[in-house]
């Protein structure tokens, strides 16, 4: 079984995680905060260099800053 099958976001509207608006980002991060596979989701996003959306509780900007060490 893949980690994404256990993700809290699995049955939610993807728009919540990919709309580039602060309100949606806060809501998406709240879902991620209670997700049991958050770490695996974030690892996937970092490994694949996902530029858009909230993955593992971080936005694309936050992930890129993490990768670049800023």
C-alpha atoms as a PDB file:
ATOM      1  CA  UNK A   1       0.000   0.000   0.000  1.00  0.00           C
ATOM      2  CA  UNK A   2       1.266   3.453  -0.917  1.00  0.00           C
ATOM      3  CA  UNK A   3       1.485   6.303   1.619  1.00  0.00           C
ATOM      4  CA  UNK A   4      -0.976   8.414  -0.365  1.00  0.00           C
ATOM      5  CA  UNK A   5      -3.737   5.896   0.255  1.00  0.00           C
ATOM      6  CA  UNK A   6      -3.613   6.848   3.958  1.00  0.00           C
ATOM      7  CA  UNK A   7      -3.408  10.615   3.410  1.00  0.00           C
ATOM      8  CA  UNK A   8      -6.089  12.781   5.049  1.00  0.00           C
ATOM      9  CA  UNK A   9      -6.340  14.806   1.840  1.00  0.00           C
ATOM     10  CA  UNK A  10      -7.214  11.789  -0.265  1.00  0.00           C
ATOM     11  CA  UNK A  11     -10.948  12.510  -0.394  1.00  0.00           C
ATOM     12  CA  UNK A  12     -10.731  16.305  -0.315  1.00  0.00           C
ATOM     13  CA  UNK A  13     -10.931  18.720  -3.227  1.00  0.00           C
ATOM     14  CA  UNK A  14      -7.411  19.160  -4.667  1.00  0.00           C
ATOM     15  CA  UNK A  15      -8.195  22.855  -5.182  1.00  0.00           C
ATOM     16  CA  UNK A  16      -7.656  23.293  -1.445  1.00  0.00           C
ATOM     17  CA  UNK A  17      -4.023  22.231  -1.818  1.00  0.00           C
ATOM     18  CA  UNK A  18      -3.240  23.903  -5.132  1.00  0.00           C
ATOM     19  CA  UNK A  19      -5.021  27.260  -4.911  1.00  0.00           C
ATOM     20  CA  UNK A  20      -2.361  29.894  -4.394  1.00  0.00           C
ATOM     21  CA  UNK A  21      -4.333  31.844  -1.781  1.00  0.00           C
ATOM     22  CA  UNK A  22      -3.423  32.323   1.894  1.00  0.00           C
ATOM     23  CA  UNK A  23      -6.824  31.158   3.167  1.00  0.00           C
ATOM     24  CA  UNK A  24      -6.594  27.893   1.241  1.00  0.00           C
ATOM     25  CA  UNK A  25      -2.962  27.395   2.255  1.00  0.00           C
ATOM     26  CA  UNK A  26      -3.882  27.748   5.944  1.00  0.00           C
ATOM     27  CA  UNK A  27      -6.726  25.251   5.570  1.00  0.00           C
ATOM     28  CA  UNK A  28      -4.529  22.804   3.671  1.00  0.00           C
ATOM     29  CA  UNK A  29      -1.798  23.076   6.297  1.00  0.00           C
ATOM     30  CA  UNK A  30      -4.381  22.363   9.013  1.00  0.00           C
ATOM     31  CA  UNK A  31      -5.329  19.129   7.214  1.00  0.00           C
ATOM     32  CA  UNK A  32      -1.646  18.203   6.891  1.00  0.00           C
ATOM     33  CA  UNK A  33      -1.017  18.887  10.580  1.00  0.00           C
ATOM     34  CA  UNK A  34      -3.369  16.016  11.498  1.00  0.00           C
ATOM     35  CA  UNK A  35      -2.155  13.607   8.812  1.00  0.00           C
ATOM     36  CA  UNK A  36      -0.339  10.415   9.746  1.00  0.00           C
ATOM     37  CA  UNK A  37       1.657  10.312   6.504  1.00  0.00           C
ATOM     38  CA  UNK A  38       2.721  13.969   6.499  1.00  0.00           C
ATOM     39  CA  UNK A  39       6.444  13.144   6.687  1.00  0.00           C
ATOM     40  CA  UNK A  40       6.261  10.728   3.754  1.00  0.00           C
ATOM     41  CA  UNK A  41       4.255  13.246   1.746  1.00  0.00           C
ATOM     42  CA  UNK A  42       6.819  15.966   2.405  1.00  0.00           C
ATOM     43  CA  UNK A  43       9.674  13.608   1.513  1.00  0.00           C
ATOM     44  CA  UNK A  44       7.944  12.787  -1.779  1.00  0.00           C
ATOM     45  CA  UNK A  45       7.483  16.481  -2.591  1.00  0.00           C
ATOM     46  CA  UNK A  46      11.114  17.271  -1.763  1.00  0.00           C
ATOM     47  CA  UNK A  47      12.465  14.336  -3.772  1.00  0.00           C
ATOM     48  CA  UNK A  48      10.322  15.172  -6.791  1.00  0.00           C
ATOM     49  CA  UNK A  49      10.957  18.920  -6.434  1.00  0.00           C
ATOM     50  CA  UNK A  50       7.208  19.638  -6.517  1.00  0.00           C
ATOM     51  CA  UNK A  51       6.958  23.377  -7.125  1.00  0.00           C
ATOM     52  CA  UNK A  52       3.241  23.873  -6.556  1.00  0.00           C
ATOM     53  CA  UNK A  53       0.736  23.042  -3.893  1.00  0.00           C
ATOM     54  CA  UNK A  54       0.837  22.231  -0.214  1.00  0.00           C
ATOM     55  CA  UNK A  55       2.587  18.906   0.368  1.00  0.00           C
ATOM     56  CA  UNK A  56       3.477  17.618   3.810  1.00  0.00           C
ATOM     57  CA  UNK A  57       2.336  20.891   5.348  1.00  0.00           C
ATOM     58  CA  UNK A  58       4.641  23.146   3.324  1.00  0.00           C
ATOM     59  CA  UNK A  59       3.969  25.387   0.336  1.00  0.00           C
ATOM     60  CA  UNK A  60       6.127  25.289  -2.762  1.00  0.00           C
ATOM     61  CA  UNK A  61       7.982  28.415  -1.618  1.00  0.00           C
ATOM     62  CA  UNK A  62       8.654  26.886   1.804  1.00  0.00           C
ATOM     63  CA  UNK A  63       9.914  23.637   0.273  1.00  0.00           C
ATOM     64  CA  UNK A  64      12.223  25.440  -2.156  1.00  0.00           C
ATOM     65  CA  UNK A  65      13.623  27.519   0.716  1.00  0.00           C
ATOM     66  CA  UNK A  66      14.196  24.315   2.695  1.00  0.00           C
ATOM     67  CA  UNK A  67      16.013  22.711  -0.236  1.00  0.00           C
ATOM     68  CA  UNK A  68      18.183  25.768  -0.851  1.00  0.00           C
ATOM     69  CA  UNK A  69      18.957  26.131   2.854  1.00  0.00           C
ATOM     70  CA  UNK A  70      17.456  29.609   3.228  1.00  0.00           C
END
